[in-house]
């Protein structure tokens, strides 16, 4: 059986004074700038010697390891901009794509780009013809509608003229119905 061990209380986070924090920041900044300067001098020296710039040649020149370069964003950017391998990879990737490679992505985006000019002209002319026919049909419909509205307005005008006669006829009809009810109103139902 294992002997029981005493549990240690958890460590409390250490607090630093403002002066200590300022000193830590100043020290970190100084080391970061020193790393960038060492890397810059190593790159300049390697260029002067016409040697390839790589992690190994940088280490051989100034003793700076890749981990130190990688932790420092400025040094990392400087190394990437000057590394022989990365610069060559950039040049390979920057090559101009062939006409076939350029056409492929655009054709995927717009299917009309895959048509040849004569096909596009034929499609354009057929669509223009359809548009012209639709415009002609619309003009005929508008003309027919205007004629209808004119006829309706004409009939309404005639109806307005005949309105007094209609009211006269309605009054006469009502009077005749009253008279008929008066004459035949005393007859028994069923005769």
Protein backbone atom coordinates (compact mmCIF):
# COMPACT_ATOMS: atom_id res chain seq x y z
CA UNK A 1 0.00 0.00 0.00
CA UNK A 2 1.18 3.50 -0.86
CA UNK A 3 1.92 5.93 1.90
CA UNK A 4 -0.36 8.92 1.98
CA UNK A 5 1.15 12.14 0.78
CA UNK A 6 0.18 15.56 1.90
CA UNK A 7 -1.67 17.60 -0.64
CA UNK A 8 -0.07 20.89 -1.39
CA UNK A 9 -2.26 23.93 -1.64
CA UNK A 10 -2.60 25.25 -5.22
CA UNK A 11 -0.16 27.93 -6.24
CA UNK A 12 -1.60 31.37 -6.44
CA UNK A 13 -0.73 33.38 -9.53
CA UNK A 14 2.18 35.64 -8.93
CA UNK A 15 1.47 39.33 -9.10
CA UNK A 16 3.98 41.79 -10.46
CA UNK A 17 4.29 45.46 -9.75
CA UNK A 18 3.99 47.99 -12.55
CA UNK A 19 7.72 48.60 -12.45
CA UNK A 20 8.43 44.87 -12.77
CA UNK A 21 6.00 44.56 -15.71
CA UNK A 22 7.61 47.54 -17.44
CA UNK A 23 11.04 45.95 -16.94
CA UNK A 24 9.86 42.63 -18.38
CA UNK A 25 8.36 44.37 -21.42
CA UNK A 26 11.51 46.40 -21.97
CA UNK A 27 13.70 43.28 -21.71
CA UNK A 28 11.46 41.34 -24.11
CA UNK A 29 11.49 44.17 -26.64
CA UNK A 30 15.26 44.47 -26.45
CA UNK A 31 15.73 40.71 -27.00
CA UNK A 32 13.24 40.74 -29.89
CA UNK A 33 15.02 43.63 -31.60
CA UNK A 34 18.41 42.00 -30.98
CA UNK A 35 17.16 38.79 -32.65
CA UNK A 36 15.97 40.75 -35.70
CA UNK A 37 19.28 42.62 -35.90
CA UNK A 38 21.33 39.39 -35.61
CA UNK A 39 19.22 37.83 -38.37
CA UNK A 40 19.58 40.90 -40.60
CA UNK A 41 23.38 40.94 -40.22
CA UNK A 42 23.54 37.19 -40.92
CA UNK A 43 21.44 37.59 -44.09
CA UNK A 44 23.64 40.49 -45.26
CA UNK A 45 26.78 38.45 -44.59
CA UNK A 46 25.39 35.43 -46.47
CA UNK A 47 24.47 37.62 -49.43
CA UNK A 48 27.95 39.11 -49.44
CA UNK A 49 29.39 35.58 -49.52
CA UNK A 50 26.80 34.64 -52.20
CA UNK A 51 25.57 31.73 -50.12
CA UNK A 52 22.06 30.32 -50.00
CA UNK A 53 19.94 31.72 -47.17
CA UNK A 54 18.47 28.84 -45.17
CA UNK A 55 17.93 27.88 -41.54
CA UNK A 56 21.20 25.96 -41.45
CA UNK A 57 23.31 28.70 -43.02
CA UNK A 58 21.80 31.29 -40.66
CA UNK A 59 22.67 29.05 -37.68
CA UNK A 60 26.20 28.56 -39.00
CA UNK A 61 26.64 32.31 -39.52
CA UNK A 62 25.29 33.73 -36.25
CA UNK A 63 24.13 30.80 -34.06
CA UNK A 64 20.46 31.77 -34.26
CA UNK A 65 18.14 28.76 -34.14
CA UNK A 66 14.91 28.49 -36.13
CA UNK A 67 12.81 28.35 -32.93
CA UNK A 68 14.01 31.84 -31.99
CA UNK A 69 13.22 33.11 -35.48
CA UNK A 70 9.81 31.43 -35.49
CA UNK A 71 8.78 32.92 -32.09
CA UNK A 72 9.56 36.46 -33.26
CA UNK A 73 7.05 37.69 -35.89
CA UNK A 74 9.40 40.36 -37.29
CA UNK A 75 12.29 37.93 -37.60
CA UNK A 76 10.03 35.30 -39.11
CA UNK A 77 8.78 37.76 -41.77
CA UNK A 78 12.36 38.83 -42.54
CA UNK A 79 13.46 35.19 -42.90
CA UNK A 80 10.50 34.32 -45.16
CA UNK A 81 11.23 37.30 -47.40
CA UNK A 82 14.88 36.26 -47.86
CA UNK A 83 14.90 32.46 -47.63
CA UNK A 84 16.21 30.95 -50.86
CA UNK A 85 13.76 28.05 -50.69
CA UNK A 86 10.68 30.22 -49.94
CA UNK A 87 11.59 32.86 -52.56
CA UNK A 88 11.97 30.12 -55.19
CA UNK A 89 8.62 28.62 -54.15
CA UNK A 90 7.00 32.04 -54.55
CA UNK A 91 8.45 32.42 -58.04
CA UNK A 92 7.18 28.96 -59.02
CA UNK A 93 3.70 29.79 -57.76
CA UNK A 94 3.66 33.20 -59.47
CA UNK A 95 4.07 31.72 -62.96
CA UNK A 96 1.48 32.85 -65.43
CA UNK A 97 -1.33 30.31 -65.89
CA UNK A 98 -1.89 28.97 -69.39
CA UNK A 99 -4.90 30.02 -71.48
CA UNK A 100 -6.60 26.71 -70.71
CA UNK A 101 -6.16 27.21 -66.94
CA UNK A 102 -7.45 30.80 -67.17
CA UNK A 103 -10.56 29.79 -69.13
CA UNK A 104 -11.54 26.93 -66.83
CA UNK A 105 -12.45 28.94 -63.70
CA UNK A 106 -14.35 31.57 -65.68
CA UNK A 107 -16.31 28.95 -67.63
CA UNK A 108 -17.35 27.41 -64.34
CA UNK A 109 -18.62 30.76 -63.14
CA UNK A 110 -20.55 31.70 -66.30
CA UNK A 111 -21.75 29.02 -68.70
CA UNK A 112 -22.11 31.55 -71.54
CA UNK A 113 -18.33 31.91 -71.64
CA UNK A 114 -18.04 28.38 -72.98
CA UNK A 115 -19.99 29.31 -76.15
CA UNK A 116 -18.25 30.34 -79.36
CA UNK A 117 -18.99 33.72 -80.93
CA UNK A 118 -21.26 32.42 -83.75
CA UNK A 119 -23.35 30.54 -81.18
CA UNK A 120 -23.64 33.62 -79.01
CA UNK A 121 -24.63 35.77 -82.00
CA UNK A 122 -27.34 33.25 -82.97
CA UNK A 123 -28.69 33.20 -79.41
CA UNK A 124 -28.60 36.98 -79.23
CA UNK A 125 -30.53 37.35 -82.49
CA UNK A 126 -33.20 34.84 -81.44
CA UNK A 127 -33.65 36.63 -78.10
CA UNK A 128 -33.84 39.98 -79.88
CA UNK A 129 -36.54 38.55 -82.21
CA UNK A 130 -38.50 37.25 -79.22
CA UNK A 131 -38.22 40.63 -77.54
CA UNK A 132 -39.48 42.40 -80.67
CA UNK A 133 -42.46 40.03 -80.92
CA UNK A 134 -43.27 40.55 -77.23
CA UNK A 135 -43.12 44.33 -77.68
CA UNK A 136 -45.45 44.11 -80.70
CA UNK A 137 -47.92 41.96 -78.75
CA UNK A 138 -47.80 44.39 -75.87
CA UNK A 139 -48.49 47.31 -78.23
CA UNK A 140 -51.52 45.45 -79.66
CA UNK A 141 -52.84 44.74 -76.17
CA UNK A 142 -52.38 48.37 -75.13
CA UNK A 143 -54.21 49.55 -78.27
CA UNK A 144 -57.09 47.12 -77.65
CA UNK A 145 -57.31 48.26 -74.03
CA UNK A 146 -57.42 51.90 -75.08
CA UNK A 147 -60.23 51.12 -77.55
CA UNK A 148 -62.13 49.32 -74.80
CA UNK A 149 -61.77 52.24 -72.43
CA UNK A 150 -62.93 54.65 -75.14
CA UNK A 151 -66.01 52.49 -75.83
CA UNK A 152 -66.80 52.30 -72.09
CA UNK A 153 -66.49 56.09 -71.79
CA UNK A 154 -68.77 56.51 -74.84
CA UNK A 155 -71.38 54.16 -73.40
CA UNK A 156 -71.24 55.89 -70.01
CA UNK A 157 -71.82 59.22 -71.76
CA UNK A 158 -74.85 57.78 -73.59
CA UNK A 159 -76.15 56.33 -70.34
CA UNK A 160 -75.83 59.73 -68.68
CA UNK A 161 -77.86 61.23 -71.54
CA UNK A 162 -80.52 58.51 -71.20
CA UNK A 163 -80.68 58.69 -67.41
CA UNK A 164 -83.71 61.05 -67.32
CA UNK A 165 -85.64 58.66 -69.61
CA UNK A 166 -84.77 55.72 -67.42
CA UNK A 167 -86.02 57.46 -64.32
CA UNK A 168 -89.22 58.40 -66.20
CA UNK A 169 -89.74 54.77 -67.27
CA UNK A 170 -89.14 53.56 -63.72
CA UNK A 171 -91.67 56.02 -62.35
CA UNK A 172 -94.26 54.95 -64.95
CA UNK A 173 -93.68 51.26 -64.17
CA UNK A 174 -94.10 51.90 -60.45
CA UNK A 175 -97.30 53.87 -61.07
CA UNK A 176 -98.76 51.12 -63.30
CA UNK A 177 -98.00 48.50 -60.65
CA UNK A 178 -99.81 50.56 -58.04
CA UNK A 179 -102.80 50.96 -60.30
CA UNK A 180 -102.92 47.24 -61.09
CA UNK A 181 -102.79 46.40 -57.42
CA UNK A 182 -105.53 48.91 -56.80
CA UNK A 183 -107.88 47.40 -59.43
CA UNK A 184 -107.13 43.79 -58.79
CA UNK A 185 -106.28 44.10 -55.11
CA UNK A 186 -109.91 43.30 -53.99
CA UNK A 187 -110.13 39.96 -55.89
CA UNK A 188 -109.92 36.80 -53.79
CA UNK A 189 -106.60 34.95 -54.10
CA UNK A 190 -106.81 31.90 -56.34
CA UNK A 191 -108.97 33.37 -59.11
